[in-house]
Amino acid sequence: MRDALDAVVSPKSKLTKSIKKPKATWVEPSFVADVEFRDITSEGLLRQSSFKGLKKGTGKA
């Protein structure tokens, strides 16, 4: 997975809402994560989330 993500490193975040992660490595949104979750918090965060896998995608919702 690391090799695939290293190939699409981006110089800046593509998020619409900024977050403070000074050591983050941002990548182009070219993969789709398969994630299960129980709920979404009022802040828009996933509650009881579980990563199921990663696949190549369009990067567009």
N, C-alpha and C. Protein backbone atom coordinates (compact mmCIF):
# COMPACT_ATOMS: atom_id res chain seq x y z
N MET A 1 0.82 -1.18 0.00
CA MET A 1 0.00 0.00 0.00
C MET A 1 0.88 1.25 0.00
N ARG A 2 1.98 1.22 0.73
CA ARG A 2 2.84 2.39 0.81
C ARG A 2 3.40 2.78 -0.56
N ASP A 3 3.80 1.80 -1.37
CA ASP A 3 4.33 2.08 -2.70
C ASP A 3 3.28 2.77 -3.57
N ALA A 4 2.04 2.30 -3.48
CA ALA A 4 0.95 2.90 -4.27
C ALA A 4 0.69 4.34 -3.84
N LEU A 5 0.73 4.61 -2.54
CA LEU A 5 0.49 5.97 -2.04
C LEU A 5 1.68 6.88 -2.33
N ASP A 6 2.91 6.35 -2.25
CA ASP A 6 4.09 7.16 -2.56
C ASP A 6 4.06 7.67 -4.00
N ALA A 7 3.42 6.94 -4.89
CA ALA A 7 3.35 7.32 -6.30
C ALA A 7 2.42 8.50 -6.55
N VAL A 8 1.57 8.85 -5.57
CA VAL A 8 0.59 9.93 -5.78
C VAL A 8 0.68 11.01 -4.70
N VAL A 9 1.86 11.23 -4.14
CA VAL A 9 2.06 12.26 -3.10
C VAL A 9 1.75 13.63 -3.68
N SER A 10 1.05 14.44 -2.87
CA SER A 10 0.66 15.79 -3.26
C SER A 10 1.35 16.80 -2.34
N PRO A 11 1.73 17.99 -2.86
CA PRO A 11 2.39 18.96 -2.01
C PRO A 11 1.48 19.60 -0.96
N LYS A 12 0.15 19.52 -1.16
CA LYS A 12 -0.76 20.10 -0.17
C LYS A 12 -2.03 19.27 -0.06
N SER A 13 -2.78 19.50 0.99
CA SER A 13 -4.02 18.78 1.26
C SER A 13 -5.09 19.11 0.23
N LYS A 14 -5.90 18.12 -0.11
CA LYS A 14 -7.03 18.32 -1.03
C LYS A 14 -8.35 18.44 -0.25
N LEU A 15 -8.26 18.51 1.09
CA LEU A 15 -9.45 18.60 1.92
C LEU A 15 -10.07 19.99 1.83
N THR A 16 -11.39 20.06 1.90
CA THR A 16 -12.07 21.36 1.87
C THR A 16 -12.04 22.03 3.24
N LYS A 17 -11.95 21.24 4.30
CA LYS A 17 -11.85 21.75 5.67
C LYS A 17 -10.47 21.40 6.19
N SER A 18 -9.68 22.41 6.53
CA SER A 18 -8.31 22.14 6.95
C SER A 18 -8.26 21.48 8.33
N ILE A 19 -7.26 20.64 8.50
CA ILE A 19 -7.00 20.01 9.79
C ILE A 19 -5.52 20.20 10.10
N LYS A 20 -5.17 20.20 11.38
CA LYS A 20 -3.78 20.41 11.78
C LYS A 20 -3.08 19.08 11.94
N LYS A 21 -2.31 18.72 10.95
CA LYS A 21 -1.49 17.51 10.97
C LYS A 21 -0.15 17.86 10.34
N PRO A 22 0.75 18.49 11.12
CA PRO A 22 2.01 18.99 10.56
C PRO A 22 2.90 17.92 9.93
N LYS A 23 2.81 16.69 10.37
CA LYS A 23 3.66 15.63 9.81
C LYS A 23 2.93 14.76 8.79
N ALA A 24 1.74 15.18 8.37
CA ALA A 24 0.97 14.38 7.42
C ALA A 24 1.60 14.40 6.04
N THR A 25 1.46 13.30 5.33
CA THR A 25 1.85 13.22 3.92
C THR A 25 0.56 13.15 3.13
N TRP A 26 0.31 14.16 2.31
CA TRP A 26 -0.93 14.24 1.54
C TRP A 26 -0.75 13.55 0.19
N VAL A 27 -1.79 12.92 -0.29
CA VAL A 27 -1.76 12.25 -1.58
C VAL A 27 -2.94 12.70 -2.44
N GLU A 28 -2.79 12.54 -3.75
CA GLU A 28 -3.89 12.83 -4.67
C GLU A 28 -5.02 11.84 -4.37
N PRO A 29 -6.26 12.30 -4.45
CA PRO A 29 -7.40 11.41 -4.15
C PRO A 29 -7.69 10.46 -5.31
N SER A 30 -6.83 9.46 -5.49
CA SER A 30 -6.99 8.53 -6.60
C SER A 30 -7.32 7.11 -6.15
N PHE A 31 -7.62 6.96 -4.88
CA PHE A 31 -8.01 5.66 -4.34
C PHE A 31 -9.35 5.80 -3.60
N VAL A 32 -10.03 4.69 -3.46
CA VAL A 32 -11.29 4.66 -2.71
C VAL A 32 -11.10 3.69 -1.55
N ALA A 33 -11.37 4.16 -0.34
CA ALA A 33 -11.27 3.31 0.84
C ALA A 33 -12.62 2.66 1.12
N ASP A 34 -12.60 1.37 1.38
CA ASP A 34 -13.80 0.65 1.80
C ASP A 34 -13.79 0.66 3.33
N VAL A 35 -14.75 1.39 3.92
CA VAL A 35 -14.80 1.58 5.36
C VAL A 35 -16.21 1.30 5.86
N GLU A 36 -16.31 0.56 6.95
CA GLU A 36 -17.59 0.36 7.62
C GLU A 36 -17.59 1.23 8.86
N PHE A 37 -18.76 1.76 9.22
CA PHE A 37 -18.84 2.57 10.43
C PHE A 37 -20.23 2.47 11.03
N ARG A 38 -20.32 2.76 12.31
CA ARG A 38 -21.58 2.66 13.04
C ARG A 38 -22.40 3.94 12.93
N ASP A 39 -21.72 5.09 12.96
CA ASP A 39 -22.43 6.37 12.99
C ASP A 39 -21.48 7.48 12.56
N ILE A 40 -22.03 8.68 12.34
CA ILE A 40 -21.24 9.87 12.05
C ILE A 40 -21.53 10.88 13.14
N THR A 41 -20.46 11.45 13.73
CA THR A 41 -20.62 12.42 14.81
C THR A 41 -21.11 13.75 14.27
N SER A 42 -21.50 14.66 15.16
CA SER A 42 -21.95 15.99 14.75
C SER A 42 -20.82 16.79 14.09
N GLU A 43 -19.55 16.39 14.34
CA GLU A 43 -18.39 17.04 13.71
C GLU A 43 -18.07 16.43 12.36
N GLY A 44 -18.82 15.41 11.96
CA GLY A 44 -18.59 14.75 10.67
C GLY A 44 -17.55 13.65 10.71
N LEU A 45 -17.20 13.17 11.91
CA LEU A 45 -16.23 12.10 12.05
C LEU A 45 -16.94 10.75 12.14
N LEU A 46 -16.27 9.70 11.68
CA LEU A 46 -16.85 8.36 11.73
C LEU A 46 -16.69 7.77 13.12
N ARG A 47 -17.75 7.16 13.61
CA ARG A 47 -17.72 6.51 14.93
C ARG A 47 -17.66 5.00 14.72
N GLN A 48 -16.81 4.33 15.46
CA GLN A 48 -16.62 2.88 15.38
C GLN A 48 -16.34 2.46 13.94
N SER A 49 -15.33 3.08 13.34
CA SER A 49 -14.99 2.79 11.94
C SER A 49 -14.01 1.63 11.84
N SER A 50 -14.06 0.96 10.69
CA SER A 50 -13.20 -0.18 10.42
C SER A 50 -12.77 -0.14 8.96
N PHE A 51 -11.46 -0.08 8.71
CA PHE A 51 -10.90 -0.05 7.36
C PHE A 51 -10.96 -1.45 6.77
N LYS A 52 -11.58 -1.59 5.60
CA LYS A 52 -11.73 -2.90 4.97
C LYS A 52 -10.80 -3.11 3.78
N GLY A 53 -10.35 -2.04 3.16
CA GLY A 53 -9.44 -2.19 2.02
C GLY A 53 -9.33 -0.92 1.21
N LEU A 54 -8.51 -0.96 0.16
CA LEU A 54 -8.24 0.19 -0.68
C LEU A 54 -8.28 -0.28 -2.13
N LYS A 55 -8.90 0.53 -2.99
CA LYS A 55 -8.90 0.19 -4.41
C LYS A 55 -8.71 1.47 -5.23
N LYS A 56 -8.23 1.29 -6.44
CA LYS A 56 -8.01 2.41 -7.35
C LYS A 56 -9.38 2.96 -7.73
N GLY A 57 -9.53 4.28 -7.74
CA GLY A 57 -10.81 4.90 -8.06
C GLY A 57 -10.61 6.21 -8.76
N THR A 58 -11.70 6.95 -8.94
CA THR A 58 -11.63 8.22 -9.64
C THR A 58 -11.23 9.34 -8.71
N GLY A 59 -11.43 9.15 -7.40
CA GLY A 59 -11.12 10.21 -6.44
C GLY A 59 -12.20 11.26 -6.36
N LYS A 60 -13.33 11.03 -7.01
CA LYS A 60 -14.43 11.98 -6.99
C LYS A 60 -15.66 11.34 -6.36
N ALA A 61 -16.34 12.10 -5.54
CA ALA A 61 -17.54 11.57 -4.86
C ALA A 61 -18.74 11.63 -5.77
